[in-house]
Amino acid sequence: MSNLNFDDAGKLVLRLTLGILILLHGIAKLTGGIGGIEGMLVARGMPAFFAWGAYLGEVLAPLLVILGVYTRIGGLLIAANMVVAVLLAHTSHFWDMTNSGGWSLELQAMFLFGGVAVALLGAGRFSVGGRGGPFN
């Protein structure tokens, strides 16, 4: 297998892992609603309808990333979604190193920077969109 194949296989593993794990959060939002997010937004003086953005970052974006269509945009949406999630729900944990033996926001950071990595790397050959196109 050439380096090109390994690169494309690595991109596939990254895309599928990130996409599936974020999509599971999105499925939970689809089945359980976004009331909690609406409450956090309203408490900070923002409109409740901004909570619908969670569906972009946790349903649409992971589907784009999994399929490898508009992959870079999907990665950016996931990263932006994680920034908002940290700011809304996890700011009190930002410096917390005691609960898990590591940083309390490891998972959120992995999702955020995984989204950035996908946005930088693109889809690779093993995708519906292929390597071509400016957003793949």
N, C-alpha and C. Protein backbone atom coordinates (compact mmCIF):
# COMPACT_ATOMS: atom_id res chain seq x y z
N MET A 1 0.85 -1.18 0.00
CA MET A 1 0.00 0.00 0.00
C MET A 1 0.89 1.24 0.00
N SER A 2 0.61 2.17 -0.86
CA SER A 2 1.42 3.37 -0.95
C SER A 2 1.07 4.35 0.17
N ASN A 3 1.94 5.35 0.36
CA ASN A 3 1.66 6.38 1.36
C ASN A 3 0.33 7.07 1.08
N LEU A 4 0.01 7.26 -0.21
CA LEU A 4 -1.25 7.89 -0.58
C LEU A 4 -2.42 7.08 -0.05
N ASN A 5 -2.35 5.77 -0.17
CA ASN A 5 -3.42 4.92 0.34
C ASN A 5 -3.52 4.99 1.86
N PHE A 6 -2.35 5.01 2.54
CA PHE A 6 -2.37 5.14 3.99
C PHE A 6 -2.95 6.49 4.40
N ASP A 7 -2.60 7.55 3.71
CA ASP A 7 -3.15 8.88 4.01
C ASP A 7 -4.67 8.87 3.85
N ASP A 8 -5.13 8.31 2.76
CA ASP A 8 -6.58 8.26 2.51
C ASP A 8 -7.29 7.37 3.52
N ALA A 9 -6.66 6.26 3.89
CA ALA A 9 -7.25 5.37 4.90
C ALA A 9 -7.30 6.08 6.26
N GLY A 10 -6.24 6.81 6.59
CA GLY A 10 -6.24 7.57 7.84
C GLY A 10 -7.32 8.63 7.87
N LYS A 11 -7.52 9.31 6.76
CA LYS A 11 -8.59 10.31 6.67
C LYS A 11 -9.95 9.64 6.85
N LEU A 12 -10.12 8.45 6.26
CA LEU A 12 -11.38 7.73 6.41
C LEU A 12 -11.64 7.36 7.87
N VAL A 13 -10.62 6.84 8.54
CA VAL A 13 -10.77 6.47 9.96
C VAL A 13 -11.13 7.69 10.79
N LEU A 14 -10.43 8.79 10.57
CA LEU A 14 -10.72 10.02 11.30
C LEU A 14 -12.14 10.50 11.03
N ARG A 15 -12.52 10.54 9.74
CA ARG A 15 -13.86 11.02 9.38
C ARG A 15 -14.95 10.16 9.99
N LEU A 16 -14.81 8.84 9.88
CA LEU A 16 -15.85 7.96 10.40
C LEU A 16 -15.95 8.02 11.93
N THR A 17 -14.80 8.04 12.59
CA THR A 17 -14.81 8.09 14.06
C THR A 17 -15.44 9.39 14.55
N LEU A 18 -14.96 10.51 14.05
CA LEU A 18 -15.50 11.80 14.47
C LEU A 18 -16.97 11.90 14.09
N GLY A 19 -17.29 11.57 12.86
CA GLY A 19 -18.67 11.71 12.39
C GLY A 19 -19.65 10.86 13.17
N ILE A 20 -19.32 9.60 13.39
CA ILE A 20 -20.24 8.71 14.10
C ILE A 20 -20.41 9.15 15.55
N LEU A 21 -19.31 9.50 16.22
CA LEU A 21 -19.42 9.89 17.63
C LEU A 21 -20.21 11.18 17.81
N ILE A 22 -20.02 12.15 16.93
CA ILE A 22 -20.80 13.39 17.02
C ILE A 22 -22.26 13.12 16.63
N LEU A 23 -22.47 12.28 15.62
CA LEU A 23 -23.84 11.97 15.20
C LEU A 23 -24.65 11.33 16.33
N LEU A 24 -24.01 10.53 17.17
CA LEU A 24 -24.70 9.95 18.32
C LEU A 24 -25.25 11.05 19.24
N HIS A 25 -24.50 12.13 19.41
CA HIS A 25 -24.99 13.28 20.18
C HIS A 25 -26.18 13.91 19.47
N GLY A 26 -26.10 13.99 18.15
CA GLY A 26 -27.19 14.56 17.37
C GLY A 26 -28.45 13.72 17.45
N ILE A 27 -28.30 12.40 17.40
CA ILE A 27 -29.46 11.52 17.52
C ILE A 27 -30.12 11.71 18.88
N ALA A 28 -29.31 11.88 19.91
CA ALA A 28 -29.86 12.15 21.24
C ALA A 28 -30.65 13.45 21.25
N LYS A 29 -30.17 14.44 20.51
CA LYS A 29 -30.89 15.72 20.43
C LYS A 29 -32.19 15.55 19.63
N LEU A 30 -32.16 14.75 18.57
CA LEU A 30 -33.35 14.51 17.78
C LEU A 30 -34.42 13.79 18.58
N THR A 31 -34.02 12.84 19.41
CA THR A 31 -34.99 12.07 20.19
C THR A 31 -35.37 12.74 21.50
N GLY A 32 -34.44 13.48 22.10
CA GLY A 32 -34.71 14.08 23.41
C GLY A 32 -34.98 15.57 23.38
N GLY A 33 -34.76 16.20 22.25
CA GLY A 33 -35.02 17.63 22.13
C GLY A 33 -33.82 18.48 22.52
N ILE A 34 -34.00 19.77 22.32
CA ILE A 34 -32.92 20.73 22.56
C ILE A 34 -33.31 21.75 23.64
N GLY A 35 -34.27 21.37 24.47
CA GLY A 35 -34.74 22.27 25.53
C GLY A 35 -33.65 22.73 26.46
N GLY A 36 -32.73 21.84 26.81
CA GLY A 36 -31.63 22.22 27.70
C GLY A 36 -30.74 23.29 27.09
N ILE A 37 -30.48 23.15 25.81
CA ILE A 37 -29.65 24.15 25.12
C ILE A 37 -30.40 25.47 25.03
N GLU A 38 -31.69 25.40 24.73
CA GLU A 38 -32.50 26.63 24.68
C GLU A 38 -32.44 27.36 26.02
N GLY A 39 -32.55 26.62 27.10
CA GLY A 39 -32.50 27.22 28.43
C GLY A 39 -31.17 27.91 28.71
N MET A 40 -30.08 27.27 28.31
CA MET A 40 -28.75 27.88 28.52
C MET A 40 -28.60 29.15 27.70
N LEU A 41 -29.11 29.14 26.48
CA LEU A 41 -29.01 30.32 25.62
C LEU A 41 -29.84 31.47 26.18
N VAL A 42 -31.07 31.19 26.57
CA VAL A 42 -31.96 32.23 27.11
C VAL A 42 -31.37 32.81 28.39
N ALA A 43 -30.77 31.96 29.22
CA ALA A 43 -30.16 32.42 30.47
C ALA A 43 -29.02 33.40 30.20
N ARG A 44 -28.43 33.31 29.02
CA ARG A 44 -27.34 34.22 28.65
C ARG A 44 -27.81 35.36 27.75
N GLY A 45 -29.13 35.52 27.66
CA GLY A 45 -29.71 36.63 26.90
C GLY A 45 -29.74 36.43 25.40
N MET A 46 -29.59 35.21 24.93
CA MET A 46 -29.62 34.93 23.49
C MET A 46 -30.95 34.30 23.11
N PRO A 47 -31.33 34.41 21.84
CA PRO A 47 -32.59 33.82 21.40
C PRO A 47 -32.56 32.29 21.48
N ALA A 48 -33.68 31.71 21.88
CA ALA A 48 -33.77 30.26 22.02
C ALA A 48 -33.58 29.54 20.69
N PHE A 49 -33.96 30.17 19.58
CA PHE A 49 -33.86 29.48 18.28
C PHE A 49 -32.42 29.20 17.88
N PHE A 50 -31.45 29.85 18.51
CA PHE A 50 -30.05 29.53 18.23
C PHE A 50 -29.74 28.07 18.54
N ALA A 51 -30.53 27.46 19.43
CA ALA A 51 -30.31 26.06 19.80
C ALA A 51 -30.45 25.13 18.60
N TRP A 52 -31.20 25.55 17.59
CA TRP A 52 -31.35 24.74 16.39
C TRP A 52 -30.01 24.54 15.69
N GLY A 53 -29.04 25.39 15.97
CA GLY A 53 -27.69 25.22 15.42
C GLY A 53 -27.05 23.90 15.84
N ALA A 54 -27.51 23.35 16.97
CA ALA A 54 -26.99 22.06 17.41
C ALA A 54 -27.27 20.98 16.37
N TYR A 55 -28.40 21.10 15.69
CA TYR A 55 -28.72 20.13 14.64
C TYR A 55 -27.76 20.25 13.46
N LEU A 56 -27.32 21.47 13.17
CA LEU A 56 -26.32 21.63 12.11
C LEU A 56 -25.00 20.97 12.49
N GLY A 57 -24.56 21.23 13.72
CA GLY A 57 -23.26 20.74 14.17
C GLY A 57 -23.24 19.28 14.59
N GLU A 58 -24.41 18.72 14.93
CA GLU A 58 -24.43 17.36 15.46
C GLU A 58 -25.22 16.38 14.61
N VAL A 59 -25.88 16.85 13.56
CA VAL A 59 -26.59 15.94 12.65
C VAL A 59 -26.10 16.16 11.21
N LEU A 60 -26.27 17.36 10.69
CA LEU A 60 -25.87 17.62 9.31
C LEU A 60 -24.36 17.49 9.11
N ALA A 61 -23.59 18.18 9.94
CA ALA A 61 -22.12 18.17 9.79
C ALA A 61 -21.53 16.76 9.87
N PRO A 62 -21.92 15.94 10.86
CA PRO A 62 -21.35 14.59 10.88
C PRO A 62 -21.75 13.75 9.67
N LEU A 63 -22.95 13.95 9.16
CA LEU A 63 -23.34 13.22 7.96
C LEU A 63 -22.47 13.62 6.77
N LEU A 64 -22.18 14.92 6.65
CA LEU A 64 -21.28 15.38 5.59
C LEU A 64 -19.90 14.76 5.74
N VAL A 65 -19.41 14.73 6.97
CA VAL A 65 -18.07 14.19 7.25
C VAL A 65 -18.03 12.68 7.00
N ILE A 66 -19.04 11.96 7.44
CA ILE A 66 -19.08 10.51 7.25
C ILE A 66 -19.10 10.17 5.76
N LEU A 67 -19.95 10.86 5.02
CA LEU A 67 -20.07 10.58 3.60
C LEU A 67 -18.89 11.10 2.79
N GLY A 68 -18.25 12.13 3.28
CA GLY A 68 -17.16 12.74 2.54
C GLY A 68 -17.66 13.67 1.45
N VAL A 69 -18.71 14.42 1.76
CA VAL A 69 -19.27 15.41 0.85
C VAL A 69 -19.26 16.75 1.59
N TYR A 70 -18.66 17.77 0.98
CA TYR A 70 -18.47 19.05 1.67
C TYR A 70 -17.83 18.81 3.04
N THR A 71 -16.84 17.96 3.03
CA THR A 71 -16.19 17.50 4.25
C THR A 71 -15.56 18.62 5.06
N ARG A 72 -14.90 19.54 4.38
CA ARG A 72 -14.23 20.63 5.10
C ARG A 72 -15.25 21.52 5.81
N ILE A 73 -16.37 21.78 5.16
CA ILE A 73 -17.43 22.57 5.80
C ILE A 73 -17.99 21.80 7.00
N GLY A 74 -18.19 20.49 6.85
CA GLY A 74 -18.66 19.67 7.96
C GLY A 74 -17.70 19.72 9.14
N GLY A 75 -16.41 19.64 8.87
CA GLY A 75 -15.42 19.71 9.94
C GLY A 75 -15.46 21.05 10.66
N LEU A 76 -15.60 22.13 9.89
CA LEU A 76 -15.69 23.46 10.51
C LEU A 76 -16.96 23.60 11.35
N LEU A 77 -18.07 23.06 10.86
CA LEU A 77 -19.33 23.11 11.64
C LEU A 77 -19.19 22.34 12.95
N ILE A 78 -18.54 21.20 12.90
CA ILE A 78 -18.32 20.42 14.13
C ILE A 78 -17.45 21.21 15.10
N ALA A 79 -16.38 21.81 14.61
CA ALA A 79 -15.49 22.59 15.47
C ALA A 79 -16.25 23.78 16.08
N ALA A 80 -17.01 24.49 15.28
CA ALA A 80 -17.78 25.63 15.78
C ALA A 80 -18.80 25.17 16.82
N ASN A 81 -19.46 24.05 16.56
CA ASN A 81 -20.43 23.49 17.49
C ASN A 81 -19.77 23.20 18.84
N MET A 82 -18.54 22.68 18.81
CA MET A 82 -17.86 22.36 20.05
C MET A 82 -17.42 23.61 20.81
N VAL A 83 -17.04 24.65 20.09
CA VAL A 83 -16.71 25.92 20.76
C VAL A 83 -17.93 26.43 21.51
N VAL A 84 -19.09 26.41 20.85
CA VAL A 84 -20.33 26.86 21.48
C VAL A 84 -20.68 25.97 22.67
N ALA A 85 -20.53 24.65 22.52
CA ALA A 85 -20.83 23.73 23.61
C ALA A 85 -19.95 24.01 24.83
N VAL A 86 -18.66 24.24 24.60
CA VAL A 86 -17.75 24.53 25.71
C VAL A 86 -18.15 25.85 26.38
N LEU A 87 -18.46 26.86 25.59
CA LEU A 87 -18.83 28.16 26.15
C LEU A 87 -20.15 28.10 26.91
N LEU A 88 -21.11 27.32 26.42
CA LEU A 88 -22.42 27.25 27.07
C LEU A 88 -22.44 26.33 28.28
N ALA A 89 -21.81 25.18 28.17
CA ALA A 89 -22.02 24.15 29.18
C ALA A 89 -20.78 23.74 29.96
N HIS A 90 -19.61 24.14 29.52
CA HIS A 90 -18.42 23.55 30.13
C HIS A 90 -17.38 24.57 30.60
N THR A 91 -17.72 25.85 30.65
CA THR A 91 -16.71 26.83 31.06
C THR A 91 -16.24 26.61 32.50
N SER A 92 -17.11 26.11 33.34
CA SER A 92 -16.71 25.89 34.73
C SER A 92 -15.72 24.73 34.86
N HIS A 93 -15.62 23.91 33.82
CA HIS A 93 -14.70 22.76 33.85
C HIS A 93 -13.38 23.03 33.14
N PHE A 94 -13.21 24.25 32.63
CA PHE A 94 -12.07 24.50 31.76
C PHE A 94 -10.73 24.19 32.41
N TRP A 95 -10.57 24.50 33.67
CA TRP A 95 -9.29 24.26 34.35
C TRP A 95 -9.34 23.04 35.27
N ASP A 96 -10.39 22.25 35.18
CA ASP A 96 -10.59 21.11 36.07
C ASP A 96 -9.75 19.92 35.61
N MET A 97 -8.87 19.49 36.47
CA MET A 97 -8.02 18.34 36.18
C MET A 97 -8.22 17.21 37.18
N THR A 98 -9.27 17.29 37.97
CA THR A 98 -9.38 16.35 39.09
C THR A 98 -10.35 15.21 38.85
N ASN A 99 -11.40 15.40 38.08
CA ASN A 99 -12.45 14.40 37.99
C ASN A 99 -12.04 13.11 37.29
N SER A 100 -11.27 13.19 36.25
CA SER A 100 -11.01 12.00 35.44
C SER A 100 -9.55 11.59 35.42
N GLY A 101 -8.72 12.22 36.20
CA GLY A 101 -7.30 11.94 36.14
C GLY A 101 -6.62 12.65 34.99
N GLY A 102 -7.37 13.39 34.25
CA GLY A 102 -6.87 14.18 33.13
C GLY A 102 -7.72 15.44 33.04
N TRP A 103 -7.67 16.09 31.93
CA TRP A 103 -8.44 17.31 31.74
C TRP A 103 -9.92 16.95 31.57
N SER A 104 -10.79 17.63 32.25
CA SER A 104 -12.22 17.33 32.20
C SER A 104 -12.83 17.56 30.81
N LEU A 105 -12.17 18.36 30.00
CA LEU A 105 -12.71 18.66 28.67
C LEU A 105 -11.97 17.93 27.55
N GLU A 106 -11.38 16.79 27.88
CA GLU A 106 -10.63 16.03 26.86
C GLU A 106 -11.51 15.66 25.68
N LEU A 107 -12.71 15.16 25.96
CA LEU A 107 -13.61 14.72 24.88
C LEU A 107 -14.01 15.90 24.00
N GLN A 108 -14.38 17.01 24.63
CA GLN A 108 -14.77 18.19 23.87
C GLN A 108 -13.61 18.70 23.02
N ALA A 109 -12.41 18.69 23.59
CA ALA A 109 -11.23 19.13 22.84
C ALA A 109 -10.94 18.19 21.68
N MET A 110 -11.09 16.89 21.91
CA MET A 110 -10.85 15.93 20.83
C MET A 110 -11.84 16.15 19.69
N PHE A 111 -13.09 16.37 20.01
CA PHE A 111 -14.10 16.64 18.98
C PHE A 111 -13.78 17.95 18.25
N LEU A 112 -13.46 19.00 19.00
CA LEU A 112 -13.15 20.29 18.40
C LEU A 112 -11.97 20.19 17.44
N PHE A 113 -10.86 19.66 17.92
CA PHE A 113 -9.66 19.60 17.09
C PHE A 113 -9.73 18.51 16.04
N GLY A 114 -10.55 17.49 16.28
CA GLY A 114 -10.82 16.52 15.22
C GLY A 114 -11.55 17.18 14.07
N GLY A 115 -12.51 18.06 14.40
CA GLY A 115 -13.21 18.82 13.36
C GLY A 115 -12.27 19.73 12.59
N VAL A 116 -11.36 20.37 13.31
CA VAL A 116 -10.36 21.22 12.65
C VAL A 116 -9.47 20.37 11.74
N ALA A 117 -9.05 19.21 12.21
CA ALA A 117 -8.20 18.33 11.39
C ALA A 117 -8.92 17.89 10.12
N VAL A 118 -10.18 17.52 10.24
CA VAL A 118 -10.95 17.12 9.06
C VAL A 118 -11.08 18.29 8.10
N ALA A 119 -11.31 19.49 8.64
CA ALA A 119 -11.42 20.68 7.78
C ALA A 119 -10.11 20.94 7.04
N LEU A 120 -8.99 20.70 7.68
CA LEU A 120 -7.69 20.93 7.06
C LEU A 120 -7.31 19.83 6.07
N LEU A 121 -7.63 18.58 6.40
CA LEU A 121 -7.21 17.44 5.59
C LEU A 121 -8.13 17.15 4.41
N GLY A 122 -9.41 17.41 4.57
CA GLY A 122 -10.37 17.05 3.53
C GLY A 122 -10.76 15.59 3.63
N ALA A 123 -11.53 15.12 2.64
CA ALA A 123 -12.13 13.80 2.70
C ALA A 123 -11.19 12.67 2.34
N GLY A 124 -10.33 12.88 1.38
CA GLY A 124 -9.52 11.80 0.87
C GLY A 124 -10.26 11.01 -0.19
N ARG A 125 -9.58 10.02 -0.71
CA ARG A 125 -10.11 9.25 -1.84
C ARG A 125 -11.29 8.38 -1.46
N PHE A 126 -11.31 7.86 -0.24
CA PHE A 126 -12.37 6.95 0.18
C PHE A 126 -13.57 7.73 0.69
N SER A 127 -14.26 8.40 -0.21
CA SER A 127 -15.41 9.22 0.15
C SER A 127 -16.33 9.35 -1.05
N VAL A 128 -17.56 9.74 -0.79
CA VAL A 128 -18.52 9.93 -1.87
C VAL A 128 -18.04 11.08 -2.77
N GLY A 129 -17.53 12.12 -2.18
CA GLY A 129 -17.09 13.28 -2.95
C GLY A 129 -15.71 13.15 -3.55
N GLY A 130 -14.94 12.16 -3.11
CA GLY A 130 -13.59 12.00 -3.61
C GLY A 130 -12.68 13.13 -3.18
N ARG A 131 -11.50 13.19 -3.75
CA ARG A 131 -10.53 14.21 -3.39
C ARG A 131 -10.87 15.55 -4.02
N GLY A 132 -11.65 15.55 -5.09
CA GLY A 132 -11.88 16.77 -5.85
C GLY A 132 -12.79 17.76 -5.16
N GLY A 133 -12.74 18.95 -5.66
CA GLY A 133 -13.61 20.00 -5.15
C GLY A 133 -12.97 20.79 -4.04
N PRO A 134 -13.27 22.06 -3.97
CA PRO A 134 -12.64 22.92 -2.97
C PRO A 134 -13.09 22.67 -1.54
N PHE A 135 -14.22 22.00 -1.37
CA PHE A 135 -14.74 21.77 -0.02
C PHE A 135 -14.57 20.32 0.43
N ASN A 136 -13.77 19.56 -0.32
CA ASN A 136 -13.57 18.17 0.03
C ASN A 136 -12.10 17.91 0.28
